[in-house]
């Protein structure tokens, strides 16, 4: 599985061109609803902005919107800035305060894309951890394996319950560590 990265923190970028100001925010999102809530907050904080353009990427899914700008001059450059930065599970909103001079399609693409690129650079990158749950059944005589798993995989979470035969539960851990857990369980005859 290829590593994926999201923003390490929220990033902000700004571009000014012939009196127009473009303010962009790049931020982590887990789903479209979370993105729409953030978009609403930006709209509420910048009610006098002429345009509130946006884009998001969640794995293979993505959306973008030009909010009244000529087609392909705002939303697509925003998405391209996220992709160029290698960011997933990410949203970007860019507001434009119109300065009175038309910028043309090339000027808009450069301004929106430039503001988003600056915001993406400021946000940094953090590895996205994909968790996987591995079922586990341990007889009473082998309960020590839970402590070994906790020591070998410090980020793992063990949950379960006891019954008359032992412990039944699951280990939730970074999917990248699953092969190592499978090898550990196989070595101890638990896999």
C-alpha atoms as a PDB file:
ATOM      1  CA  UNK A   1       0.000   0.000   0.000  1.00  0.00           C
ATOM      2  CA  UNK A   2       1.432   3.371  -1.023  1.00  0.00           C
ATOM      3  CA  UNK A   3       1.898   5.926   1.707  1.00  0.00           C
ATOM      4  CA  UNK A   4      -0.563   8.802   1.712  1.00  0.00           C
ATOM      5  CA  UNK A   5      -0.085  12.244   3.197  1.00  0.00           C
ATOM      6  CA  UNK A   6      -2.431  14.912   4.475  1.00  0.00           C
ATOM      7  CA  UNK A   7      -1.724  18.364   5.845  1.00  0.00           C
ATOM      8  CA  UNK A   8       0.217  18.402   9.106  1.00  0.00           C
ATOM      9  CA  UNK A   9      -1.639  21.583  10.116  1.00  0.00           C
ATOM     10  CA  UNK A  10      -3.772  24.269   8.528  1.00  0.00           C
ATOM     11  CA  UNK A  11      -1.930  26.382   5.982  1.00  0.00           C
ATOM     12  CA  UNK A  12      -2.672  29.890   4.697  1.00  0.00           C
ATOM     13  CA  UNK A  13      -1.578  31.487   1.435  1.00  0.00           C
ATOM     14  CA  UNK A  14      -2.245  34.871  -0.152  1.00  0.00           C
ATOM     15  CA  UNK A  15      -1.748  36.346  -3.610  1.00  0.00           C
ATOM     16  CA  UNK A  16      -2.402  39.928  -4.691  1.00  0.00           C
ATOM     17  CA  UNK A  17      -2.771  40.788  -8.368  1.00  0.00           C
ATOM     18  CA  UNK A  18      -3.847  44.185  -9.738  1.00  0.00           C
ATOM     19  CA  UNK A  19      -5.846  45.024  -6.652  1.00  0.00           C
ATOM     20  CA  UNK A  20      -7.555  41.629  -6.207  1.00  0.00           C
ATOM     21  CA  UNK A  21      -6.693  39.629  -3.092  1.00  0.00           C
ATOM     22  CA  UNK A  22      -6.849  35.830  -3.044  1.00  0.00           C
ATOM     23  CA  UNK A  23      -6.836  34.239   0.425  1.00  0.00           C
ATOM     24  CA  UNK A  24      -6.524  30.442   0.605  1.00  0.00           C
ATOM     25  CA  UNK A  25      -6.726  27.953   3.455  1.00  0.00           C
ATOM     26  CA  UNK A  26      -5.627  24.311   3.208  1.00  0.00           C
ATOM     27  CA  UNK A  27      -6.851  22.008   5.969  1.00  0.00           C
ATOM     28  CA  UNK A  28      -7.383  18.313   6.773  1.00  0.00           C
ATOM     29  CA  UNK A  29     -10.848  16.812   6.212  1.00  0.00           C
ATOM     30  CA  UNK A  30     -12.193  13.307   6.794  1.00  0.00           C
ATOM     31  CA  UNK A  31     -15.359  13.557   4.684  1.00  0.00           C
ATOM     32  CA  UNK A  32     -17.427  15.882   2.520  1.00  0.00           C
ATOM     33  CA  UNK A  33     -19.684  16.940   5.394  1.00  0.00           C
ATOM     34  CA  UNK A  34     -16.678  18.126   7.398  1.00  0.00           C
ATOM     35  CA  UNK A  35     -15.462  20.065   4.356  1.00  0.00           C
ATOM     36  CA  UNK A  36     -18.867  21.718   3.810  1.00  0.00           C
ATOM     37  CA  UNK A  37     -18.967  22.826   7.448  1.00  0.00           C
ATOM     38  CA  UNK A  38     -15.560  24.468   7.047  1.00  0.00           C
ATOM     39  CA  UNK A  39     -16.631  26.093   3.757  1.00  0.00           C
ATOM     40  CA  UNK A  40     -19.659  27.559   5.554  1.00  0.00           C
ATOM     41  CA  UNK A  41     -17.408  28.953   8.286  1.00  0.00           C
ATOM     42  CA  UNK A  42     -15.132  30.632   5.721  1.00  0.00           C
ATOM     43  CA  UNK A  43     -18.149  32.101   3.904  1.00  0.00           C
ATOM     44  CA  UNK A  44     -19.477  33.459   7.200  1.00  0.00           C
ATOM     45  CA  UNK A  45     -16.082  34.959   8.078  1.00  0.00           C
ATOM     46  CA  UNK A  46     -15.682  36.586   4.623  1.00  0.00           C
ATOM     47  CA  UNK A  47     -19.177  37.713   3.549  1.00  0.00           C
ATOM     48  CA  UNK A  48     -17.841  40.585   1.412  1.00  0.00           C
ATOM     49  CA  UNK A  49     -15.588  38.389  -0.725  1.00  0.00           C
ATOM     50  CA  UNK A  50     -16.813  38.222  -4.323  1.00  0.00           C
ATOM     51  CA  UNK A  51     -16.018  34.502  -4.758  1.00  0.00           C
ATOM     52  CA  UNK A  52     -15.604  31.526  -2.408  1.00  0.00           C
ATOM     53  CA  UNK A  53     -13.956  28.876  -4.605  1.00  0.00           C
ATOM     54  CA  UNK A  54     -12.997  25.477  -3.308  1.00  0.00           C
ATOM     55  CA  UNK A  55     -11.719  21.937  -3.866  1.00  0.00           C
ATOM     56  CA  UNK A  56     -11.233  18.781  -1.846  1.00  0.00           C
ATOM     57  CA  UNK A  57      -9.603  15.374  -2.297  1.00  0.00           C
ATOM     58  CA  UNK A  58     -10.498  12.245  -0.331  1.00  0.00           C
ATOM     59  CA  UNK A  59      -8.633   9.325  -1.857  1.00  0.00           C
ATOM     60  CA  UNK A  60      -9.907   8.821  -5.405  1.00  0.00           C
ATOM     61  CA  UNK A  61     -12.866  11.157  -4.775  1.00  0.00           C
ATOM     62  CA  UNK A  62     -12.609  14.882  -5.424  1.00  0.00           C
ATOM     63  CA  UNK A  63     -14.757  17.921  -6.120  1.00  0.00           C
ATOM     64  CA  UNK A  64     -14.078  21.529  -7.056  1.00  0.00           C
ATOM     65  CA  UNK A  65     -16.157  24.636  -7.668  1.00  0.00           C
ATOM     66  CA  UNK A  66     -15.463  27.957  -9.423  1.00  0.00           C
ATOM     67  CA  UNK A  67     -18.221  29.930  -7.609  1.00  0.00           C
ATOM     68  CA  UNK A  68     -18.977  32.232 -10.525  1.00  0.00           C
ATOM     69  CA  UNK A  69     -15.458  32.569 -11.918  1.00  0.00           C
ATOM     70  CA  UNK A  70     -14.997  31.459 -15.554  1.00  0.00           C
ATOM     71  CA  UNK A  71     -15.059  27.659 -15.826  1.00  0.00           C
ATOM     72  CA  UNK A  72     -11.766  25.976 -14.953  1.00  0.00           C
ATOM     73  CA  UNK A  73     -10.060  29.108 -13.601  1.00  0.00           C
ATOM     74  CA  UNK A  74     -10.490  28.594  -9.852  1.00  0.00           C
ATOM     75  CA  UNK A  75     -11.624  25.187  -8.573  1.00  0.00           C
ATOM     76  CA  UNK A  76      -9.445  23.092 -10.867  1.00  0.00           C
ATOM     77  CA  UNK A  77      -6.242  25.081 -10.085  1.00  0.00           C
ATOM     78  CA  UNK A  78      -7.034  24.677  -6.377  1.00  0.00           C
ATOM     79  CA  UNK A  79      -7.324  20.897  -6.779  1.00  0.00           C
ATOM     80  CA  UNK A  80      -4.150  20.817  -8.875  1.00  0.00           C
ATOM     81  CA  UNK A  81      -2.278  22.617  -6.072  1.00  0.00           C
ATOM     82  CA  UNK A  82      -3.372  19.907  -3.601  1.00  0.00           C
ATOM     83  CA  UNK A  83      -2.315  17.169  -6.009  1.00  0.00           C
ATOM     84  CA  UNK A  84       1.039  18.835  -6.742  1.00  0.00           C
ATOM     85  CA  UNK A  85       1.717  18.952  -2.984  1.00  0.00           C
ATOM     86  CA  UNK A  86       0.786  15.258  -2.676  1.00  0.00           C
ATOM     87  CA  UNK A  87      -2.035  15.960  -0.196  1.00  0.00           C
ATOM     88  CA  UNK A  88      -4.983  13.645   0.441  1.00  0.00           C
ATOM     89  CA  UNK A  89      -7.866  13.988   2.920  1.00  0.00           C
ATOM     90  CA  UNK A  90      -7.534  17.699   2.299  1.00  0.00           C
ATOM     91  CA  UNK A  91      -9.730  20.677   1.517  1.00  0.00           C
ATOM     92  CA  UNK A  92      -8.893  24.132   0.213  1.00  0.00           C
ATOM     93  CA  UNK A  93     -11.045  27.252   0.165  1.00  0.00           C
ATOM     94  CA  UNK A  94      -9.908  30.420  -1.583  1.00  0.00           C
ATOM     95  CA  UNK A  95     -11.809  33.703  -1.349  1.00  0.00           C
ATOM     96  CA  UNK A  96     -11.353  36.562  -3.782  1.00  0.00           C
ATOM     97  CA  UNK A  97     -11.780  40.199  -2.970  1.00  0.00           C
ATOM     98  CA  UNK A  98     -12.200  41.852  -6.377  1.00  0.00           C
ATOM     99  CA  UNK A  99      -9.867  44.776  -7.033  1.00  0.00           C
ATOM    100  CA  UNK A 100     -11.677  46.294 -10.014  1.00  0.00           C
ATOM    101  CA  UNK A 101      -9.427  44.938 -12.772  1.00  0.00           C
ATOM    102  CA  UNK A 102     -10.232  41.807 -14.770  1.00  0.00           C
ATOM    103  CA  UNK A 103      -7.320  39.356 -14.675  1.00  0.00           C
ATOM    104  CA  UNK A 104      -8.234  37.107 -17.603  1.00  0.00           C
ATOM    105  CA  UNK A 105      -8.331  33.334 -17.432  1.00  0.00           C
ATOM    106  CA  UNK A 106      -4.548  32.932 -17.158  1.00  0.00           C
ATOM    107  CA  UNK A 107      -4.339  35.489 -14.378  1.00  0.00           C
ATOM    108  CA  UNK A 108      -7.113  33.787 -12.423  1.00  0.00           C
ATOM    109  CA  UNK A 109      -5.515  30.343 -12.793  1.00  0.00           C
ATOM    110  CA  UNK A 110      -2.164  31.706 -11.558  1.00  0.00           C
ATOM    111  CA  UNK A 111      -3.711  33.612  -8.649  1.00  0.00           C
ATOM    112  CA  UNK A 112      -5.970  30.832  -7.346  1.00  0.00           C
ATOM    113  CA  UNK A 113      -3.355  28.135  -7.917  1.00  0.00           C
ATOM    114  CA  UNK A 114      -0.614  30.297  -6.400  1.00  0.00           C
ATOM    115  CA  UNK A 115      -2.561  31.082  -3.231  1.00  0.00           C
ATOM    116  CA  UNK A 116      -3.446  27.394  -2.783  1.00  0.00           C
ATOM    117  CA  UNK A 117       0.155  26.298  -3.432  1.00  0.00           C
ATOM    118  CA  UNK A 118       1.411  28.710  -0.757  1.00  0.00           C
ATOM    119  CA  UNK A 119      -1.195  27.436   1.699  1.00  0.00           C
ATOM    120  CA  UNK A 120      -0.317  23.806   0.892  1.00  0.00           C
ATOM    121  CA  UNK A 121       3.373  24.512   1.435  1.00  0.00           C
ATOM    122  CA  UNK A 122       2.654  26.165   4.797  1.00  0.00           C
ATOM    123  CA  UNK A 123       0.467  23.239   5.883  1.00  0.00           C
ATOM    124  CA  UNK A 124       3.292  20.728   5.609  1.00  0.00           C
ATOM    125  CA  UNK A 125       2.652  17.011   5.214  1.00  0.00           C
ATOM    126  CA  UNK A 126       1.872  14.267   7.691  1.00  0.00           C
ATOM    127  CA  UNK A 127       1.550  10.563   6.936  1.00  0.00           C
ATOM    128  CA  UNK A 128      -2.043   9.356   6.966  1.00  0.00           C
ATOM    129  CA  UNK A 129      -2.326   6.330   9.215  1.00  0.00           C
ATOM    130  CA  UNK A 130      -4.851   3.785   7.970  1.00  0.00           C
ATOM    131  CA  UNK A 131      -6.019   1.594  10.843  1.00  0.00           C
ATOM    132  CA  UNK A 132      -6.918  -2.050  10.431  1.00  0.00           C
ATOM    133  CA  UNK A 133      -8.554  -4.382  12.899  1.00  0.00           C
ATOM    134  CA  UNK A 134      -7.150  -7.910  13.251  1.00  0.00           C
ATOM    135  CA  UNK A 135      -9.291 -10.449  15.154  1.00  0.00           C
ATOM    136  CA  UNK A 136      -7.471 -12.392  17.845  1.00  0.00           C
ATOM    137  CA  UNK A 137      -8.372 -15.350  20.061  1.00  0.00           C
ATOM    138  CA  UNK A 138      -6.052 -16.307  22.908  1.00  0.00           C
ATOM    139  CA  UNK A 139      -6.481 -19.246  25.285  1.00  0.00           C
ATOM    140  CA  UNK A 140      -5.698 -18.500  28.942  1.00  0.00           C
ATOM    141  CA  UNK A 141      -2.287 -20.170  28.643  1.00  0.00           C
ATOM    142  CA  UNK A 142      -1.275 -17.696  25.895  1.00  0.00           C
ATOM    143  CA  UNK A 143      -2.545 -14.405  27.388  1.00  0.00           C
ATOM    144  CA  UNK A 144       1.032 -13.139  27.663  1.00  0.00           C
ATOM    145  CA  UNK A 145       0.917 -12.523  23.901  1.00  0.00           C
ATOM    146  CA  UNK A 146      -1.291  -9.461  24.553  1.00  0.00           C
ATOM    147  CA  UNK A 147       1.514  -7.803  26.546  1.00  0.00           C
ATOM    148  CA  UNK A 148       4.050  -8.713  23.856  1.00  0.00           C
ATOM    149  CA  UNK A 149       1.823  -7.187  21.163  1.00  0.00           C
ATOM    150  CA  UNK A 150       1.401  -4.014  23.216  1.00  0.00           C
ATOM    151  CA  UNK A 151       5.191  -3.756  23.631  1.00  0.00           C
ATOM    152  CA  UNK A 152       6.045  -4.525  19.982  1.00  0.00           C
ATOM    153  CA  UNK A 153       3.291  -2.307  18.498  1.00  0.00           C
ATOM    154  CA  UNK A 154       2.996   0.709  20.836  1.00  0.00           C
ATOM    155  CA  UNK A 155       0.330   2.430  18.710  1.00  0.00           C
ATOM    156  CA  UNK A 156      -1.919  -0.637  18.684  1.00  0.00           C
ATOM    157  CA  UNK A 157      -5.165  -0.835  20.628  1.00  0.00           C
ATOM    158  CA  UNK A 158      -6.314  -4.158  22.046  1.00  0.00           C
ATOM    159  CA  UNK A 159      -9.956  -4.618  22.929  1.00  0.00           C
ATOM    160  CA  UNK A 160     -11.975  -7.681  23.798  1.00  0.00           C
ATOM    161  CA  UNK A 161     -13.473  -9.755  26.564  1.00  0.00           C
ATOM    162  CA  UNK A 162     -12.960 -12.973  28.477  1.00  0.00           C
ATOM    163  CA  UNK A 163     -15.051 -16.104  28.277  1.00  0.00           C
ATOM    164  CA  UNK A 164     -14.623 -19.663  29.607  1.00  0.00           C
ATOM    165  CA  UNK A 165     -11.946 -20.481  26.971  1.00  0.00           C
ATOM    166  CA  UNK A 166      -9.808 -17.349  27.162  1.00  0.00           C
ATOM    167  CA  UNK A 167      -9.781 -13.914  25.545  1.00  0.00           C
ATOM    168  CA  UNK A 168     -11.461 -12.922  22.279  1.00  0.00           C
ATOM    169  CA  UNK A 169     -10.909  -9.527  20.775  1.00  0.00           C
ATOM    170  CA  UNK A 170      -9.110  -7.521  18.171  1.00  0.00           C
ATOM    171  CA  UNK A 171      -5.906  -5.599  17.650  1.00  0.00           C
ATOM    172  CA  UNK A 172      -6.358  -2.274  15.876  1.00  0.00           C
ATOM    173  CA  UNK A 173      -3.128  -0.960  14.383  1.00  0.00           C
ATOM    174  CA  UNK A 174      -1.537   0.856  11.469  1.00  0.00           C
ATOM    175  CA  UNK A 175      -2.281  -1.245   8.368  1.00  0.00           C
ATOM    176  CA  UNK A 176       1.405  -0.997   7.424  1.00  0.00           C
ATOM    177  CA  UNK A 177       2.220  -3.024  10.571  1.00  0.00           C
ATOM    178  CA  UNK A 178      -0.184  -5.895   9.796  1.00  0.00           C
ATOM    179  CA  UNK A 179       2.462  -8.073   8.080  1.00  0.00           C
ATOM    180  CA  UNK A 180       4.718  -7.764  11.140  1.00  0.00           C
ATOM    181  CA  UNK A 181       1.804  -8.682  13.443  1.00  0.00           C
ATOM    182  CA  UNK A 182       0.938 -11.676  11.230  1.00  0.00           C
ATOM    183  CA  UNK A 183       4.568 -12.854  11.406  1.00  0.00           C
ATOM    184  CA  UNK A 184       4.585 -12.430  15.212  1.00  0.00           C
ATOM    185  CA  UNK A 185       1.361 -14.446  15.560  1.00  0.00           C
ATOM    186  CA  UNK A 186       2.619 -17.168  13.186  1.00  0.00           C
ATOM    187  CA  UNK A 187       5.899 -17.512  15.144  1.00  0.00           C
ATOM    188  CA  UNK A 188       3.881 -18.181  18.305  1.00  0.00           C
ATOM    189  CA  UNK A 189       1.399 -20.510  16.624  1.00  0.00           C
ATOM    190  CA  UNK A 190      -1.446 -18.048  17.050  1.00  0.00           C
ATOM    191  CA  UNK A 191      -1.989 -17.074  13.409  1.00  0.00           C
END
